[in-house]
N, C-alpha and C. Protein backbone atom coordinates (compact mmCIF):
# COMPACT_ATOMS: atom_id res chain seq x y z
N MET A 1 1.13 -1.29 0.01
CA MET A 1 0.18 -0.01 0.20
C MET A 1 0.73 1.58 -0.11
N MET A 2 0.26 2.26 -0.67
CA MET A 2 1.06 3.36 -0.78
C MET A 2 0.84 4.54 0.63
N GLU A 3 2.54 4.73 1.03
CA GLU A 3 1.83 5.78 2.16
C GLU A 3 1.26 7.21 1.70
N ASN A 4 0.61 7.80 2.84
CA ASN A 4 -0.30 8.44 2.61
C ASN A 4 -0.06 9.89 1.93
N ASN A 5 1.49 9.98 1.72
CA ASN A 5 1.83 11.55 1.33
C ASN A 5 2.36 11.00 -0.33
N GLU A 6 2.22 9.97 -0.51
CA GLU A 6 2.58 9.55 -1.71
C GLU A 6 1.38 9.39 -3.15
N ARG A 7 1.46 9.92 -4.11
CA ARG A 7 0.32 10.32 -5.18
C ARG A 7 0.98 9.71 -6.37
N LYS A 8 -0.10 9.70 -7.43
CA LYS A 8 0.04 9.04 -8.57
C LYS A 8 -1.09 10.13 -9.63
N VAL A 9 -0.28 10.57 -10.42
CA VAL A 9 -0.82 11.70 -11.41
C VAL A 9 -0.96 10.63 -12.60
N VAL A 10 -2.03 10.82 -13.54
CA VAL A 10 -2.61 9.91 -14.59
C VAL A 10 -3.25 11.54 -15.13
N GLU A 11 -2.48 11.15 -16.98
CA GLU A 11 -3.06 12.18 -17.57
C GLU A 11 -4.26 11.25 -18.60
N LEU A 12 -4.99 11.94 -18.81
CA LEU A 12 -6.02 11.35 -19.66
C LEU A 12 -6.74 12.52 -20.68
N ASP A 13 -6.75 11.75 -22.16
CA ASP A 13 -7.47 12.87 -22.62
C ASP A 13 -8.99 13.01 -22.79
N ASP A 14 -9.72 13.57 -23.44
CA ASP A 14 -11.14 13.88 -23.03
C ASP A 14 -11.83 12.30 -23.21
N TYR A 15 -11.20 11.55 -24.28
CA TYR A 15 -12.13 9.99 -24.80
C TYR A 15 -11.58 9.35 -23.42
N GLU A 16 -10.61 9.10 -23.00
CA GLU A 16 -9.90 8.23 -22.01
C GLU A 16 -10.64 8.97 -20.49
N TYR A 17 -11.08 10.22 -20.45
CA TYR A 17 -11.84 10.82 -19.14
C TYR A 17 -13.34 10.10 -19.03
N HIS A 18 -13.80 10.03 -20.60
CA HIS A 18 -15.12 9.73 -20.16
C HIS A 18 -15.37 8.11 -20.50
N VAL A 19 -14.47 7.34 -20.57
CA VAL A 19 -14.12 6.32 -20.79
C VAL A 19 -14.08 5.52 -19.11
N MET A 20 -13.09 6.53 -18.21
CA MET A 20 -12.98 5.94 -17.06
C MET A 20 -14.15 6.33 -16.01
N ILE A 21 -14.59 7.35 -16.60
CA ILE A 21 -16.09 7.76 -15.66
C ILE A 21 -16.93 6.61 -15.98
N GLU A 22 -17.12 6.41 -17.02
CA GLU A 22 -18.01 5.32 -17.43
C GLU A 22 -18.13 4.02 -16.61
N ALA A 23 -16.97 3.83 -16.59
CA ALA A 23 -16.00 2.13 -15.89
C ALA A 23 -16.40 2.53 -14.90
N LEU A 24 -16.36 3.57 -13.89
CA LEU A 24 -16.26 3.26 -12.81
C LEU A 24 -18.02 3.72 -12.41
N ALA A 25 -18.38 4.16 -12.98
CA ALA A 25 -20.30 4.22 -13.15
C ALA A 25 -20.87 2.92 -13.02
N ASP A 26 -20.28 2.27 -14.00
CA ASP A 26 -20.53 0.88 -14.16
C ASP A 26 -20.12 0.07 -13.21
N ARG A 27 -19.10 0.32 -12.81
CA ARG A 27 -18.61 -0.91 -11.75
C ARG A 27 -19.42 -0.43 -10.55
N ARG A 28 -19.65 0.87 -9.87
CA ARG A 28 -20.72 1.23 -9.21
C ARG A 28 -21.96 0.98 -8.85
N ASN A 29 -22.74 0.81 -10.41
CA ASN A 29 -23.98 0.45 -10.31
C ASN A 29 -23.98 -1.17 -10.24
N ASP A 30 -23.31 -2.15 -10.24
CA ASP A 30 -22.90 -3.47 -10.95
C ASP A 30 -22.82 -3.67 -9.19
N LEU A 31 -22.08 -2.99 -8.09
CA LEU A 31 -21.86 -3.34 -7.00
C LEU A 31 -23.25 -3.21 -6.13
N ILE A 32 -23.83 -2.18 -6.30
CA ILE A 32 -25.14 -1.78 -6.05
C ILE A 32 -26.36 -2.86 -5.88
N GLU A 33 -25.92 -3.35 -7.36
CA GLU A 33 -27.37 -4.80 -7.91
C GLU A 33 -26.89 -5.60 -7.10
N THR A 34 -25.85 -5.88 -6.99
CA THR A 34 -25.35 -7.21 -6.07
C THR A 34 -25.19 -6.94 -4.55
N ASN A 35 -26.14 -6.02 -3.91
CA ASN A 35 -25.88 -5.64 -2.38
C ASN A 35 -24.54 -5.48 -1.82
N ARG A 36 -23.45 -5.23 -2.53
CA ARG A 36 -22.20 -4.99 -2.38
C ARG A 36 -21.73 -3.44 -1.76
N GLU A 37 -20.85 -2.76 -0.94
CA GLU A 37 -21.03 -1.50 -1.07
C GLU A 37 -19.83 -0.98 -1.91
N PRO A 38 -20.52 -0.21 -2.30
CA PRO A 38 -20.24 0.79 -3.53
C PRO A 38 -19.21 2.32 -2.92
N GLU A 39 -18.88 2.53 -1.72
CA GLU A 39 -18.40 3.60 -1.46
C GLU A 39 -17.00 3.88 -1.87
N ASP A 40 -16.02 2.87 -1.55
CA ASP A 40 -14.59 3.03 -2.34
C ASP A 40 -14.50 3.58 -3.97
N VAL A 41 -15.28 2.89 -4.54
CA VAL A 41 -16.02 3.10 -6.12
C VAL A 41 -16.31 4.65 -6.30
N SER A 42 -17.28 4.64 -5.11
CA SER A 42 -18.18 5.93 -5.57
C SER A 42 -17.26 7.30 -5.05
N ASP A 43 -16.41 6.90 -4.03
CA ASP A 43 -15.20 7.94 -3.29
C ASP A 43 -14.25 8.01 -4.90
N LEU A 44 -13.76 7.07 -5.72
CA LEU A 44 -12.54 7.49 -6.64
C LEU A 44 -13.58 8.08 -7.85
N LEU A 45 -14.67 7.78 -7.99
CA LEU A 45 -15.81 8.45 -9.45
C LEU A 45 -15.64 10.07 -9.00
N LEU A 46 -16.09 10.07 -7.85
CA LEU A 46 -16.38 11.73 -7.64
C LEU A 46 -14.69 12.18 -7.38
N LYS A 47 -13.71 11.63 -7.23
CA LYS A 47 -11.90 12.39 -7.64
C LYS A 47 -11.91 12.53 -9.29
N VAL A 48 -12.27 11.26 -9.59
CA VAL A 48 -12.13 11.50 -10.56
C VAL A 48 -12.51 12.87 -11.88
N ILE A 49 -14.22 12.66 -11.01
CA ILE A 49 -14.65 14.30 -11.85
C ILE A 49 -14.68 15.64 -11.32
N ASP A 50 -14.18 15.48 -10.06
CA ASP A 50 -13.82 16.58 -9.45
C ASP A 50 -11.80 17.33 -9.58
N ALA A 51 -11.18 16.21 -10.30
CA ALA A 51 -10.21 15.80 -11.05
C ALA A 51 -9.59 17.68 -11.87
N PRO A 52 -8.72 18.18 -11.66
CA PRO A 52 -8.44 19.64 -12.12
C PRO A 52 -8.15 19.42 -13.68
N VAL A 53 -8.22 20.06 -14.73
CA VAL A 53 -8.11 20.32 -15.93
C VAL A 53 -6.99 20.82 -15.99
N ILE A 54 -5.74 20.54 -16.86
CA ILE A 54 -4.53 21.23 -17.01
C ILE A 54 -4.71 21.78 -18.41
N ILE A 55 -4.98 23.29 -18.89
CA ILE A 55 -4.77 23.33 -20.47
C ILE A 55 -3.53 24.34 -20.69
N ARG A 56 -2.43 23.85 -21.65
CA ARG A 56 -1.43 24.94 -21.99
C ARG A 56 -0.78 25.39 -20.42
N GLY A 57 -0.42 24.38 -19.52
CA GLY A 57 0.12 24.92 -18.11
C GLY A 57 -0.62 25.47 -17.15
N ARG A 58 -2.37 26.23 -17.82
CA ARG A 58 -3.15 26.61 -16.70
C ARG A 58 -3.65 25.48 -16.07
N VAL A 59 -4.39 25.92 -14.91
CA VAL A 59 -5.00 24.74 -14.06
C VAL A 59 -6.82 25.50 -14.14
N LYS A 60 -7.60 24.85 -14.88
CA LYS A 60 -8.92 25.26 -14.35
C LYS A 60 -9.82 24.07 -14.10
N SER A 61 -10.82 24.62 -13.36
CA SER A 61 -12.15 23.54 -12.66
C SER A 61 -12.49 22.44 -13.95
N SER A 62 -12.66 21.34 -13.16
CA SER A 62 -13.44 20.23 -14.35
C SER A 62 -14.49 20.89 -14.43
N ALA A 63 -15.48 21.82 -14.22
CA ALA A 63 -16.79 22.09 -14.18
C ALA A 63 -16.40 22.81 -15.13
N GLY A 64 -15.52 23.69 -15.82
CA GLY A 64 -15.14 24.63 -17.01
C GLY A 64 -15.49 25.98 -16.44
N ASP A 65 -15.78 26.18 -15.46
CA ASP A 65 -16.64 27.55 -14.72
C ASP A 65 -15.19 28.78 -14.94
N GLY A 66 -13.86 28.42 -14.98
CA GLY A 66 -12.56 29.07 -15.16
C GLY A 66 -12.10 29.31 -13.37
N ARG A 67 -12.35 28.50 -12.42
CA ARG A 67 -11.92 28.65 -10.73
C ARG A 67 -10.96 28.11 -11.01
């Protein structure tokens, strides 16, 4: 297991980002359908959705509102 201060960074293009979102949502739904706890997958899904977007060296929010 990684230490708490260690992080991994994954760069995704728009297509890969949407594939990851869909895969995590499908996994979460499968867990719910089989009465298993989806909390960890849900947390990861939210983390990916809320990840910052970097464009030409600038950071903007994933919501696209320029924050």
